[in-house]
N, C-alpha and C. Protein backbone atom coordinates (compact mmCIF):
# COMPACT_ATOMS: atom_id res chain seq x y z
N SER A 1 129.01 65.25 -25.27
CA SER A 1 128.49 66.63 -24.73
C SER A 1 127.29 66.34 -23.76
N LEU A 2 126.75 67.27 -23.24
CA LEU A 2 125.65 67.07 -22.53
C LEU A 2 124.28 66.61 -23.08
N GLN A 3 124.08 67.27 -24.15
CA GLN A 3 123.18 66.86 -25.11
C GLN A 3 122.97 65.53 -25.46
N GLY A 4 124.40 64.78 -26.11
CA GLY A 4 124.35 63.62 -26.59
C GLY A 4 124.17 62.56 -25.35
N PHE A 5 124.91 62.86 -24.57
CA PHE A 5 124.92 61.57 -23.35
C PHE A 5 123.71 61.56 -22.41
N VAL A 6 123.11 63.10 -22.15
CA VAL A 6 121.97 63.04 -20.75
C VAL A 6 120.62 63.10 -21.97
N ILE A 7 120.73 64.27 -22.47
CA ILE A 7 119.14 64.95 -23.13
C ILE A 7 118.52 63.77 -24.12
N PHE A 8 119.50 63.40 -24.79
CA PHE A 8 118.80 62.40 -26.07
C PHE A 8 118.34 61.06 -25.26
N PRO A 9 119.14 60.60 -24.75
CA PRO A 9 118.78 59.09 -23.87
C PRO A 9 117.46 59.46 -22.59
N TRP A 10 117.67 60.71 -22.19
CA TRP A 10 116.22 60.90 -21.50
C TRP A 10 115.25 61.21 -22.25
N ALA A 11 115.08 61.86 -23.55
CA ALA A 11 114.14 62.12 -24.46
C ALA A 11 113.53 60.97 -25.11
N GLN A 12 114.51 59.95 -25.44
CA GLN A 12 114.14 58.96 -26.12
C GLN A 12 113.45 57.91 -25.17
N GLY A 13 113.78 57.80 -23.97
CA GLY A 13 112.87 57.09 -22.84
C GLY A 13 111.48 57.65 -22.66
N ALA A 14 111.55 58.81 -22.41
CA ALA A 14 110.42 59.34 -22.46
C ALA A 14 109.36 59.55 -23.50
N SER A 15 109.93 59.35 -24.82
CA SER A 15 108.87 59.51 -25.60
C SER A 15 108.65 57.95 -25.94
N THR A 16 109.55 56.85 -25.58
CA THR A 16 108.85 55.36 -25.92
C THR A 16 108.13 54.92 -24.88
N TYR A 17 108.32 55.53 -23.64
CA TYR A 17 107.32 55.35 -22.60
C TYR A 17 105.71 55.81 -22.99
N ALA A 18 105.95 57.21 -23.44
CA ALA A 18 104.60 57.80 -23.84
C ALA A 18 104.05 57.14 -25.01
N ILE A 19 104.78 56.64 -26.06
CA ILE A 19 104.13 55.96 -27.08
C ILE A 19 103.54 54.65 -26.65
N SER A 20 104.44 53.99 -25.90
CA SER A 20 103.80 52.59 -25.44
C SER A 20 102.58 52.67 -24.71
N GLU A 21 102.30 53.94 -23.63
CA GLU A 21 101.22 54.19 -23.16
C GLU A 21 100.29 54.20 -23.99
N CYS A 22 100.45 55.19 -25.16
CA CYS A 22 99.15 55.59 -26.17
C CYS A 22 98.89 54.12 -26.89
N TYR A 23 99.89 53.18 -27.11
CA TYR A 23 99.54 52.09 -28.05
C TYR A 23 98.92 51.16 -27.14
N LEU A 24 98.93 51.06 -25.89
CA LEU A 24 98.13 50.10 -25.00
C LEU A 24 96.72 50.94 -24.76
N ASN A 25 96.25 52.35 -25.04
CA ASN A 25 95.14 52.91 -24.71
C ASN A 25 95.26 53.35 -23.32
N ARG A 26 96.58 53.81 -22.55
CA ARG A 26 96.29 54.34 -21.32
C ARG A 26 96.81 55.80 -21.39
N GLU A 27 96.21 56.33 -20.61
CA GLU A 27 96.39 57.66 -20.19
C GLU A 27 97.76 58.19 -19.70
N VAL A 28 98.56 59.03 -20.40
CA VAL A 28 99.82 59.61 -19.77
C VAL A 28 100.05 60.83 -19.95
N SER A 29 100.61 61.27 -19.31
CA SER A 29 100.85 62.71 -19.00
C SER A 29 102.12 63.42 -19.10
N ILE A 30 102.70 64.54 -20.29
CA ILE A 30 104.24 64.53 -20.48
C ILE A 30 105.15 64.51 -19.11
N GLY A 31 104.38 64.97 -17.81
CA GLY A 31 105.17 64.90 -16.42
C GLY A 31 105.37 63.37 -16.11
N GLN A 32 104.59 62.60 -16.39
CA GLN A 32 104.69 60.97 -16.28
C GLN A 32 105.78 60.64 -17.03
N ALA A 33 105.61 61.02 -18.23
CA ALA A 33 106.74 60.42 -19.46
C ALA A 33 108.00 60.93 -18.91
N ILE A 34 108.22 62.25 -18.93
CA ILE A 34 109.61 62.78 -18.36
C ILE A 34 110.13 62.06 -17.04
N GLY A 35 109.17 61.87 -16.29
CA GLY A 35 109.43 61.30 -14.79
C GLY A 35 109.88 59.86 -14.82
N PHE A 36 109.24 59.12 -15.82
CA PHE A 36 109.73 57.62 -15.91
C PHE A 36 110.99 57.76 -16.91
N GLY A 37 111.31 58.38 -17.76
CA GLY A 37 112.58 58.71 -18.53
C GLY A 37 113.90 59.02 -17.40
N TRP A 38 113.33 59.77 -16.42
CA TRP A 38 114.35 60.19 -15.81
C TRP A 38 114.88 59.14 -14.90
N SER A 39 113.88 58.45 -14.53
CA SER A 39 113.94 57.27 -13.33
C SER A 39 115.03 56.01 -13.81
N ARG A 40 114.84 56.11 -15.64
CA ARG A 40 115.69 55.17 -15.82
C ARG A 40 116.94 55.33 -16.60
N LEU A 41 117.18 56.81 -16.35
CA LEU A 41 118.31 57.38 -17.16
C LEU A 41 119.45 56.27 -17.20
N GLY A 42 120.01 56.04 -16.08
CA GLY A 42 121.36 55.45 -16.10
C GLY A 42 121.06 54.29 -16.79
N THR A 43 120.25 53.43 -17.02
CA THR A 43 120.13 52.18 -18.08
C THR A 43 120.09 52.74 -19.08
N LEU A 44 119.12 53.94 -19.82
CA LEU A 44 119.01 54.43 -21.09
C LEU A 44 120.34 54.78 -21.49
N PHE A 45 121.25 55.47 -20.34
CA PHE A 45 122.62 55.79 -21.11
C PHE A 45 123.31 54.78 -21.37
N ASN A 46 123.28 53.67 -20.49
CA ASN A 46 124.28 52.26 -20.83
C ASN A 46 123.69 51.97 -22.07
N VAL A 47 122.37 51.70 -22.50
CA VAL A 47 122.03 51.00 -23.34
C VAL A 47 122.18 52.24 -24.94
N SER A 48 122.65 53.34 -24.77
CA SER A 48 122.59 54.13 -25.80
C SER A 48 124.45 53.95 -26.16
N VAL A 49 125.02 54.09 -25.33
CA VAL A 49 126.23 53.90 -25.35
C VAL A 49 126.86 52.32 -26.19
N SER A 50 126.24 51.73 -25.30
CA SER A 50 126.23 50.37 -25.79
C SER A 50 126.31 50.33 -27.18
N VAL A 51 125.12 50.18 -27.62
CA VAL A 51 124.46 49.99 -28.86
C VAL A 51 125.32 50.98 -29.83
N GLY A 52 125.44 52.07 -29.40
CA GLY A 52 126.35 53.12 -30.41
C GLY A 52 127.66 52.77 -30.44
N LEU A 53 128.45 52.33 -29.69
CA LEU A 53 129.87 51.70 -29.86
C LEU A 53 129.66 50.71 -30.56
N ARG A 54 128.96 49.72 -30.57
CA ARG A 54 128.96 48.67 -31.72
C ARG A 54 128.57 49.09 -32.86
N LEU A 55 127.76 50.04 -33.16
CA LEU A 55 127.37 50.58 -34.41
C LEU A 55 128.49 51.46 -35.16
N ILE A 56 129.05 51.96 -34.17
CA ILE A 56 130.79 52.73 -34.92
C ILE A 56 131.45 51.33 -35.52
N ILE A 57 131.77 50.80 -34.33
CA ILE A 57 132.63 49.42 -34.55
C ILE A 57 132.35 48.61 -35.80
N GLY A 58 130.93 48.46 -36.09
CA GLY A 58 130.38 47.70 -37.21
C GLY A 58 130.63 48.32 -38.52
N LEU A 59 130.28 49.65 -38.64
CA LEU A 59 130.43 50.68 -39.70
C LEU A 59 131.90 50.93 -40.06
N LEU A 60 132.98 50.52 -39.03
CA LEU A 60 134.33 50.56 -39.67
C LEU A 60 134.54 49.23 -39.85
N LEU A 61 134.13 47.97 -39.66
CA LEU A 61 134.26 46.68 -40.34
C LEU A 61 133.33 46.99 -41.45
N PHE A 62 133.65 47.50 -42.62
CA PHE A 62 133.13 47.68 -43.83
C PHE A 62 131.85 47.57 -43.86
N ILE A 63 131.19 48.42 -42.94
CA ILE A 63 129.61 48.62 -42.66
C ILE A 63 128.72 47.91 -42.84
N ILE A 64 128.73 46.50 -43.21
CA ILE A 64 127.64 45.45 -43.35
C ILE A 64 127.61 45.04 -41.86
N PRO A 65 128.57 44.90 -41.00
CA PRO A 65 128.34 44.51 -39.65
C PRO A 65 127.45 45.70 -39.07
N GLY A 66 127.76 47.06 -39.19
CA GLY A 66 127.19 47.90 -38.51
C GLY A 66 125.78 48.34 -38.74
N ILE A 67 125.27 47.85 -40.13
CA ILE A 67 123.72 47.67 -40.45
C ILE A 67 123.23 46.77 -39.94
N VAL A 68 123.68 45.30 -39.96
CA VAL A 68 123.20 44.23 -39.13
C VAL A 68 122.76 44.41 -37.77
N TRP A 69 123.65 45.14 -36.77
CA TRP A 69 123.53 45.51 -35.60
C TRP A 69 122.63 46.50 -35.45
N ALA A 70 122.47 47.42 -36.01
CA ALA A 70 121.53 48.60 -36.30
C ALA A 70 120.23 48.04 -36.34
N CYS A 71 120.12 46.91 -37.28
CA CYS A 71 118.80 46.24 -37.18
C CYS A 71 118.47 45.34 -36.05
N SER A 72 119.46 44.73 -35.55
CA SER A 72 119.50 43.68 -34.40
C SER A 72 119.21 44.32 -33.03
N TYR A 73 119.63 45.68 -32.57
CA TYR A 73 119.33 46.09 -31.63
C TYR A 73 118.39 47.49 -31.77
N VAL A 74 117.49 47.40 -32.83
CA VAL A 74 116.53 48.37 -32.76
C VAL A 74 115.45 48.67 -31.57
N ALA A 75 115.06 47.56 -30.88
CA ALA A 75 114.18 47.45 -29.72
C ALA A 75 114.64 47.48 -28.62
N ALA A 76 116.04 47.53 -28.64
CA ALA A 76 116.30 47.59 -27.44
C ALA A 76 116.31 48.83 -26.43
N MET A 77 115.81 49.90 -26.98
CA MET A 77 115.33 50.98 -25.90
C MET A 77 114.02 50.74 -25.75
N PRO A 78 113.16 50.51 -26.56
CA PRO A 78 111.81 50.01 -26.00
C PRO A 78 111.90 48.90 -24.96
N ALA A 79 112.41 47.90 -25.44
CA ALA A 79 112.40 46.53 -24.20
C ALA A 79 112.80 47.08 -22.88
N VAL A 80 114.09 47.94 -22.89
CA VAL A 80 114.53 48.49 -21.19
C VAL A 80 113.31 49.16 -20.90
N ILE A 81 112.85 50.02 -21.57
CA ILE A 81 111.70 50.92 -21.06
C ILE A 81 110.45 50.27 -20.77
N ILE A 82 109.69 49.30 -21.66
CA ILE A 82 108.70 48.77 -21.56
C ILE A 82 108.80 47.71 -20.48
N GLU A 83 109.86 46.56 -20.67
CA GLU A 83 110.22 45.34 -19.65
C GLU A 83 110.57 45.79 -18.34
N GLY A 84 111.58 47.04 -18.61
CA GLY A 84 111.93 47.18 -17.24
C GLY A 84 113.46 46.39 -17.14
N CYS A 85 114.00 46.02 -18.01
CA CYS A 85 115.40 45.14 -18.23
C CYS A 85 116.38 45.96 -17.94
N LYS A 86 117.50 45.64 -17.33
CA LYS A 86 118.84 46.43 -17.89
C LYS A 86 119.35 46.34 -19.32
N ALA A 87 120.51 47.11 -19.54
CA ALA A 87 120.61 47.80 -20.97
C ALA A 87 121.29 46.08 -21.54
N LYS A 88 122.29 45.36 -20.79
CA LYS A 88 122.40 44.37 -21.39
C LYS A 88 121.50 43.38 -22.07
N ASP A 89 120.43 42.99 -20.94
CA ASP A 89 119.33 42.14 -21.24
C ASP A 89 118.50 42.90 -22.27
N GLY A 90 118.37 44.30 -22.18
CA GLY A 90 117.48 44.77 -23.55
C GLY A 90 118.33 44.49 -24.51
N MET A 91 119.30 44.66 -24.72
CA MET A 91 119.83 44.34 -26.21
C MET A 91 119.95 42.63 -26.59
N ARG A 92 119.74 42.08 -25.54
CA ARG A 92 119.86 40.66 -25.80
C ARG A 92 118.38 40.10 -26.47
N ARG A 93 117.48 40.85 -25.69
CA ARG A 93 115.84 40.85 -26.10
C ARG A 93 115.53 41.17 -27.30
N SER A 94 116.23 42.55 -27.85
CA SER A 94 116.00 43.01 -28.87
C SER A 94 116.29 41.81 -30.32
N ARG A 95 118.06 41.35 -30.07
CA ARG A 95 118.20 40.52 -30.95
C ARG A 95 117.33 39.42 -31.42
N GLU A 96 117.04 38.80 -30.01
CA GLU A 96 116.00 37.64 -30.05
C GLU A 96 114.64 38.08 -30.94
N LEU A 97 114.09 39.32 -30.92
CA LEU A 97 112.92 39.74 -31.24
C LEU A 97 112.63 40.24 -32.77
N ALA A 98 114.21 40.66 -33.03
CA ALA A 98 114.43 41.03 -34.26
C ALA A 98 114.87 39.85 -35.16
N LYS A 99 115.24 38.80 -34.54
CA LYS A 99 115.74 37.80 -35.65
C LYS A 99 114.63 37.34 -36.63
N GLY A 100 115.11 37.16 -37.88
CA GLY A 100 114.23 36.91 -38.84
C GLY A 100 113.64 37.99 -39.48
N ARG A 101 113.55 39.27 -39.13
CA ARG A 101 112.90 40.28 -39.47
C ARG A 101 113.99 41.51 -39.69
N ARG A 102 114.83 41.36 -39.77
CA ARG A 102 116.12 42.09 -40.03
C ARG A 102 115.74 42.99 -41.62
N TRP A 103 115.37 42.36 -42.26
CA TRP A 103 115.00 42.82 -43.62
C TRP A 103 113.70 43.90 -43.68
N SER A 104 112.92 43.56 -42.78
CA SER A 104 111.72 44.76 -42.48
C SER A 104 112.37 45.96 -41.92
N VAL A 105 113.07 45.62 -40.82
CA VAL A 105 114.07 46.84 -40.08
C VAL A 105 114.95 47.50 -40.96
N PHE A 106 115.35 46.90 -41.63
CA PHE A 106 116.33 47.74 -42.76
C PHE A 106 115.67 48.60 -43.52
N ALA A 107 114.40 47.88 -44.03
CA ALA A 107 113.85 48.95 -45.14
C ALA A 107 113.04 50.40 -44.30
N ILE A 108 112.64 49.95 -43.04
CA ILE A 108 111.98 51.26 -42.34
C ILE A 108 113.40 52.04 -41.92
N LEU A 109 114.67 51.62 -41.52
CA LEU A 109 115.63 52.55 -41.29
C LEU A 109 116.16 53.26 -42.63
N ILE A 110 116.19 52.68 -43.47
CA ILE A 110 116.58 53.53 -44.87
C ILE A 110 115.72 54.44 -45.30
N THR A 111 114.32 53.99 -44.91
CA THR A 111 113.37 55.08 -45.29
C THR A 111 113.46 56.21 -44.57
N ILE A 112 113.82 55.91 -43.30
CA ILE A 112 114.06 57.09 -42.25
C ILE A 112 115.36 58.13 -42.71
N TRP A 113 116.40 57.22 -42.92
CA TRP A 113 117.65 57.92 -43.24
C TRP A 113 117.39 58.56 -44.67
N LEU A 114 116.72 58.34 -45.49
CA LEU A 114 116.27 58.88 -46.89
C LEU A 114 115.32 60.32 -46.66
N LEU A 115 114.63 60.18 -45.93
CA LEU A 115 113.65 61.46 -45.47
C LEU A 115 114.68 62.41 -44.64
N SER A 116 115.47 61.92 -43.88
CA SER A 116 116.61 62.93 -43.03
C SER A 116 117.51 63.32 -44.37
N LEU A 117 117.82 62.50 -45.24
CA LEU A 117 118.75 63.32 -46.19
C LEU A 117 118.20 64.32 -47.32
N VAL A 118 117.01 64.00 -47.39
CA VAL A 118 116.17 64.72 -48.38
C VAL A 118 115.93 66.03 -47.71
N VAL A 119 115.36 66.30 -46.21
CA VAL A 119 115.06 67.26 -45.62
C VAL A 119 116.52 68.14 -45.36
N THR A 120 117.58 67.36 -44.81
CA THR A 120 118.92 67.91 -44.77
C THR A 120 119.47 68.78 -45.97
N ALA A 121 119.31 68.17 -46.98
CA ALA A 121 119.76 68.64 -48.72
C ALA A 121 118.98 69.79 -48.60
N SER A 122 117.52 69.71 -48.56
CA SER A 122 116.81 70.85 -48.96
C SER A 122 117.02 72.17 -47.94
N ILE A 123 117.32 71.93 -46.90
CA ILE A 123 117.76 73.16 -46.05
C ILE A 123 119.30 73.90 -46.55
N TYR A 124 120.12 72.77 -46.78
CA TYR A 124 121.22 73.42 -47.65
C TYR A 124 121.12 73.95 -48.52
N PHE A 125 120.46 73.65 -49.40
CA PHE A 125 120.06 74.25 -50.67
C PHE A 125 119.32 75.44 -50.59
N ALA A 126 118.21 75.65 -49.49
CA ALA A 126 117.37 76.86 -49.50
C ALA A 126 118.55 77.93 -48.76
N VAL A 127 119.26 77.55 -47.72
CA VAL A 127 120.13 78.40 -47.07
C VAL A 127 121.20 79.04 -48.14
N ASP A 128 121.59 78.11 -49.14
CA ASP A 128 122.78 78.57 -49.91
C ASP A 128 122.26 79.68 -50.94
N VAL A 129 121.24 79.45 -51.69
CA VAL A 129 120.55 80.11 -52.62
C VAL A 129 120.08 81.59 -51.85
N THR A 130 119.44 81.80 -50.65
CA THR A 130 118.79 82.85 -50.17
C THR A 130 120.06 83.49 -49.51
N LEU A 131 120.90 82.93 -48.27
CA LEU A 131 121.85 83.54 -47.45
C LEU A 131 123.12 83.27 -47.93
N GLY A 132 123.31 82.21 -48.45
CA GLY A 132 124.79 82.15 -48.75
C GLY A 132 125.62 81.07 -47.66
N MET A 133 126.12 80.36 -47.94
CA MET A 133 126.79 79.05 -47.03
C MET A 133 127.98 79.70 -46.22
N ASN A 134 128.79 80.68 -46.95
CA ASN A 134 129.82 81.36 -46.32
C ASN A 134 129.40 83.04 -45.54
N THR A 135 128.04 83.04 -45.46
CA THR A 135 128.05 84.27 -44.68
C THR A 135 127.66 83.92 -42.93
N THR A 136 127.82 84.56 -42.08
CA THR A 136 127.40 84.38 -40.79
C THR A 136 126.14 84.07 -40.43
N ILE A 137 125.34 84.86 -40.96
CA ILE A 137 123.82 84.46 -40.95
C ILE A 137 123.56 83.03 -41.58
N GLY A 138 123.90 83.08 -42.71
CA GLY A 138 123.48 81.71 -43.34
C GLY A 138 124.00 80.38 -42.43
N THR A 139 125.28 80.49 -41.69
CA THR A 139 126.17 79.45 -40.91
C THR A 139 124.96 79.35 -39.83
N MET A 140 124.72 80.50 -39.21
CA MET A 140 123.68 80.47 -37.67
C MET A 140 122.23 79.92 -38.47
N THR A 141 121.92 80.30 -39.35
CA THR A 141 120.51 79.46 -39.99
C THR A 141 120.57 78.14 -40.28
N LEU A 142 121.81 77.65 -40.60
CA LEU A 142 121.96 76.22 -41.04
C LEU A 142 122.18 75.74 -39.99
N ASN A 143 122.51 76.18 -38.78
CA ASN A 143 122.80 75.39 -37.50
C ASN A 143 121.63 75.22 -36.88
N ILE A 144 120.45 76.02 -36.70
CA ILE A 144 119.64 75.99 -36.06
C ILE A 144 118.55 75.15 -36.88
N ALA A 145 118.41 75.17 -38.16
CA ALA A 145 117.57 74.34 -39.11
C ALA A 145 118.19 72.64 -38.87
N SER A 146 119.66 72.53 -38.70
CA SER A 146 120.22 71.27 -38.17
C SER A 146 119.37 70.71 -36.87
N GLN A 147 119.68 71.65 -36.04
CA GLN A 147 119.00 71.04 -34.76
C GLN A 147 117.75 70.94 -34.92
N GLY A 148 116.70 71.52 -35.87
CA GLY A 148 115.33 71.47 -35.87
C GLY A 148 115.02 70.28 -36.40
N VAL A 149 115.86 69.71 -37.29
CA VAL A 149 115.41 68.48 -38.20
C VAL A 149 115.99 67.08 -37.14
N THR A 150 116.68 67.74 -36.47
CA THR A 150 117.10 66.39 -35.36
C THR A 150 116.19 66.18 -34.44
N ILE A 151 115.69 67.22 -34.09
CA ILE A 151 114.35 67.47 -33.20
C ILE A 151 112.99 66.91 -33.81
N PHE A 152 112.81 67.02 -34.88
CA PHE A 152 111.98 66.46 -35.92
C PHE A 152 111.96 64.89 -36.13
N LEU A 153 113.32 64.44 -36.40
CA LEU A 153 113.54 63.23 -36.81
C LEU A 153 113.44 62.18 -35.64
N MET A 154 113.81 62.68 -34.72
CA MET A 154 114.10 61.70 -33.34
C MET A 154 112.90 60.94 -32.94
N PRO A 155 111.96 62.04 -32.57
CA PRO A 155 110.60 61.20 -32.41
C PRO A 155 110.03 60.33 -33.59
N LEU A 156 110.46 60.62 -34.83
CA LEU A 156 110.08 59.67 -35.81
C LEU A 156 110.75 58.23 -35.62
N GLY A 157 112.36 58.37 -35.28
CA GLY A 157 112.81 57.18 -35.08
C GLY A 157 112.34 56.29 -33.88
N VAL A 158 111.85 57.28 -32.51
CA VAL A 158 111.39 56.31 -31.63
C VAL A 158 110.04 55.68 -31.61
N ILE A 159 109.24 56.34 -32.40
CA ILE A 159 107.93 55.85 -32.98
C ILE A 159 108.32 54.54 -33.58
N ALA A 160 109.04 54.47 -34.69
CA ALA A 160 109.32 53.45 -35.58
C ALA A 160 109.95 52.32 -34.33
N ALA A 161 110.83 52.43 -33.69
CA ALA A 161 111.40 51.60 -32.88
C ALA A 161 110.23 50.99 -31.78
N THR A 162 109.40 51.69 -31.44
CA THR A 162 108.56 51.31 -30.15
C THR A 162 107.62 50.46 -31.03
N LEU A 163 106.89 50.88 -32.18
CA LEU A 163 105.99 49.81 -32.99
C LEU A 163 106.92 48.84 -33.66
N LEU A 164 107.76 48.75 -33.85
CA LEU A 164 108.64 47.25 -34.60
C LEU A 164 108.67 46.60 -33.14
N TYR A 165 109.04 47.29 -32.18
CA TYR A 165 108.81 46.14 -30.72
C TYR A 165 107.45 45.84 -30.24
N TYR A 166 106.51 46.11 -30.58
CA TYR A 166 105.38 45.55 -30.28
C TYR A 166 104.98 44.72 -31.72
N ASP A 167 105.12 45.23 -32.87
CA ASP A 167 105.24 44.16 -33.91
C ASP A 167 105.81 43.04 -33.85
N PHE A 168 107.00 42.77 -33.45
CA PHE A 168 107.89 41.72 -33.15
C PHE A 168 107.24 40.87 -32.02
N ARG A 169 106.56 41.48 -31.18
CA ARG A 169 106.02 40.78 -29.95
C ARG A 169 104.86 40.03 -30.36
N ILE A 170 103.88 40.80 -31.21
CA ILE A 170 102.92 40.23 -31.86
C ILE A 170 103.29 38.95 -32.74
N ARG A 171 104.08 39.21 -33.65
CA ARG A 171 104.25 38.07 -34.31
C ARG A 171 104.69 36.96 -33.93
N LYS A 172 105.91 37.35 -32.76
CA LYS A 172 106.48 36.22 -32.24
C LYS A 172 105.90 35.81 -30.99
N GLU A 173 105.13 36.50 -30.42
CA GLU A 173 104.87 36.11 -28.96
C GLU A 173 103.14 36.18 -28.80
N GLY A 174 102.41 36.42 -29.69
CA GLY A 174 101.08 36.50 -29.81
C GLY A 174 100.46 37.60 -28.63
N PHE A 175 101.33 38.73 -28.40
CA PHE A 175 101.10 39.74 -27.69
C PHE A 175 99.67 40.32 -27.90
N ASP A 176 99.27 40.15 -29.24
CA ASP A 176 97.78 41.11 -29.49
C ASP A 176 97.02 40.10 -28.72
N LEU A 177 97.28 38.74 -28.66
CA LEU A 177 96.13 37.86 -27.92
C LEU A 177 95.84 38.18 -26.64
N GLU A 178 97.37 38.31 -25.77
CA GLU A 178 97.32 38.86 -24.28
C GLU A 178 96.73 40.11 -24.23
N LEU A 179 96.71 41.15 -25.02
CA LEU A 179 96.02 42.30 -24.66
C LEU A 179 94.23 42.04 -25.04
N LEU A 180 94.22 40.96 -25.72
CA LEU A 180 92.45 40.69 -26.08
C LEU A 180 91.92 39.98 -24.77
N GLN A 181 93.00 39.07 -24.05
CA GLN A 181 92.34 38.45 -23.01
C GLN A 181 92.23 39.48 -21.81
N VAL A 182 93.40 40.16 -21.91
CA VAL A 182 93.24 41.25 -20.83
C VAL A 182 92.08 42.15 -20.73
N ALA A 183 91.66 42.50 -21.85
CA ALA A 183 90.44 43.61 -22.30
C ALA A 183 89.13 42.60 -22.13
N MET A 184 89.08 41.27 -22.66
CA MET A 184 88.04 40.49 -22.23
C MET A 184 87.87 40.25 -20.66
N HIS A 185 88.96 40.03 -20.09
CA HIS A 185 88.90 39.76 -18.42
C HIS A 185 88.40 41.22 -17.97
N ALA A 186 88.62 42.36 -17.95
CA ALA A 186 88.34 43.27 -17.61
C ALA A 186 86.72 43.52 -18.13
N ASP A 187 86.32 43.33 -19.44
CA ASP A 187 85.00 43.51 -19.87
C ASP A 187 84.04 42.35 -18.92
N SER A 188 84.46 41.33 -18.55
CA SER A 188 83.89 40.09 -18.00
C SER A 188 83.79 40.76 -16.31
N GLY A 189 84.71 41.48 -15.71
CA GLY A 189 84.63 41.85 -14.69
C GLY A 189 83.64 43.05 -14.47
N ASN A 190 83.81 43.81 -15.36
CA ASN A 190 82.82 44.97 -15.34
C ASN A 190 81.16 44.42 -15.54
N ALA A 191 81.16 43.27 -16.42
CA ALA A 191 79.95 42.80 -16.43
C ALA A 191 79.28 42.25 -15.10
N SER A 192 80.20 41.39 -14.74
CA SER A 192 79.78 40.78 -13.15
C SER A 192 79.45 41.65 -12.20
N ALA A 193 80.30 43.05 -12.07
CA ALA A 193 80.05 44.00 -11.27
C ALA A 193 78.73 44.56 -11.42
N GLU A 194 78.24 44.85 -12.67
CA GLU A 194 77.13 45.35 -12.99
C GLU A 194 75.78 44.48 -12.83
N GLN A 195 76.27 42.96 -13.17
CA GLN A 195 74.83 42.45 -12.78
C GLN A 195 74.63 42.46 -11.14
N GLY A 196 75.80 42.31 -10.43
CA GLY A 196 75.72 42.46 -9.16
C GLY A 196 74.89 43.43 -8.24
N ASN A 197 75.21 44.55 -9.25
CA ASN A 197 74.48 45.70 -8.74
C ASN A 197 73.03 45.58 -8.92
N GLN A 198 72.55 45.26 -10.21
CA GLN A 198 71.46 44.96 -10.71
C GLN A 198 70.54 44.24 -9.76
N ILE A 199 71.25 43.31 -8.99
CA ILE A 199 70.45 41.85 -8.30
C ILE A 199 70.47 42.82 -6.71
N GLN A 200 71.29 43.48 -6.53
CA GLN A 200 71.16 44.31 -5.22
C GLN A 200 70.18 45.01 -5.23
N GLN A 201 70.02 45.98 -6.34
CA GLN A 201 69.06 47.10 -6.56
C GLN A 201 67.66 46.30 -6.43
N GLY A 202 67.31 45.10 -6.94
CA GLY A 202 66.39 44.47 -7.12
C GLY A 202 66.07 43.81 -5.45
N GLU A 203 66.91 43.75 -4.99
CA GLU A 203 66.50 42.90 -3.81
C GLU A 203 66.34 44.32 -2.74
N ASP A 204 66.72 45.88 -2.97
CA ASP A 204 66.47 46.60 -2.10
C ASP A 204 65.06 46.90 -2.69
N PHE A 205 64.50 46.86 -3.79
CA PHE A 205 63.35 47.27 -4.26
C PHE A 205 62.45 46.23 -3.64
């Protein structure tokens, strides 16, 4: 459907970009995030389909391979958005970053899945008690509520994937040190500029 093949990858890409910019203390607008997601839509579509097919095949192969691949490719979308790589390279990058950290990823994915299960079960129970599952209004309410759960939980998954991506890079590549060096360089540049202004003001005086 249009929602599954276009809207979701686009929304995931835009959300990933916005979360990444916020993590790096950069200002970003909704329009910028949406535009960036649209500019990468082809790659986002490719990575969504590629990962999705692998997960389906893995789940058919006695479930365990699907779980392993889900943990391995959790950072594929952030890698594509943040590093600007193609779908295949983003998936390879995700495997490299997640190596040795799959149990932690699994725990986070299970937590999100359990939250989804609890919320969905609560909605089903509430609709069944108040409106009835076999009534027209009950069915309509359930469909609307299910869409609401999807809209609510999708950003949670994107946030988790993006933060995991940065956590992987911090632990394996010292990414936090890179940020510190950039910040120190910027502070040093500002200090030098301020000192130069003070000297210039003294000369003018």
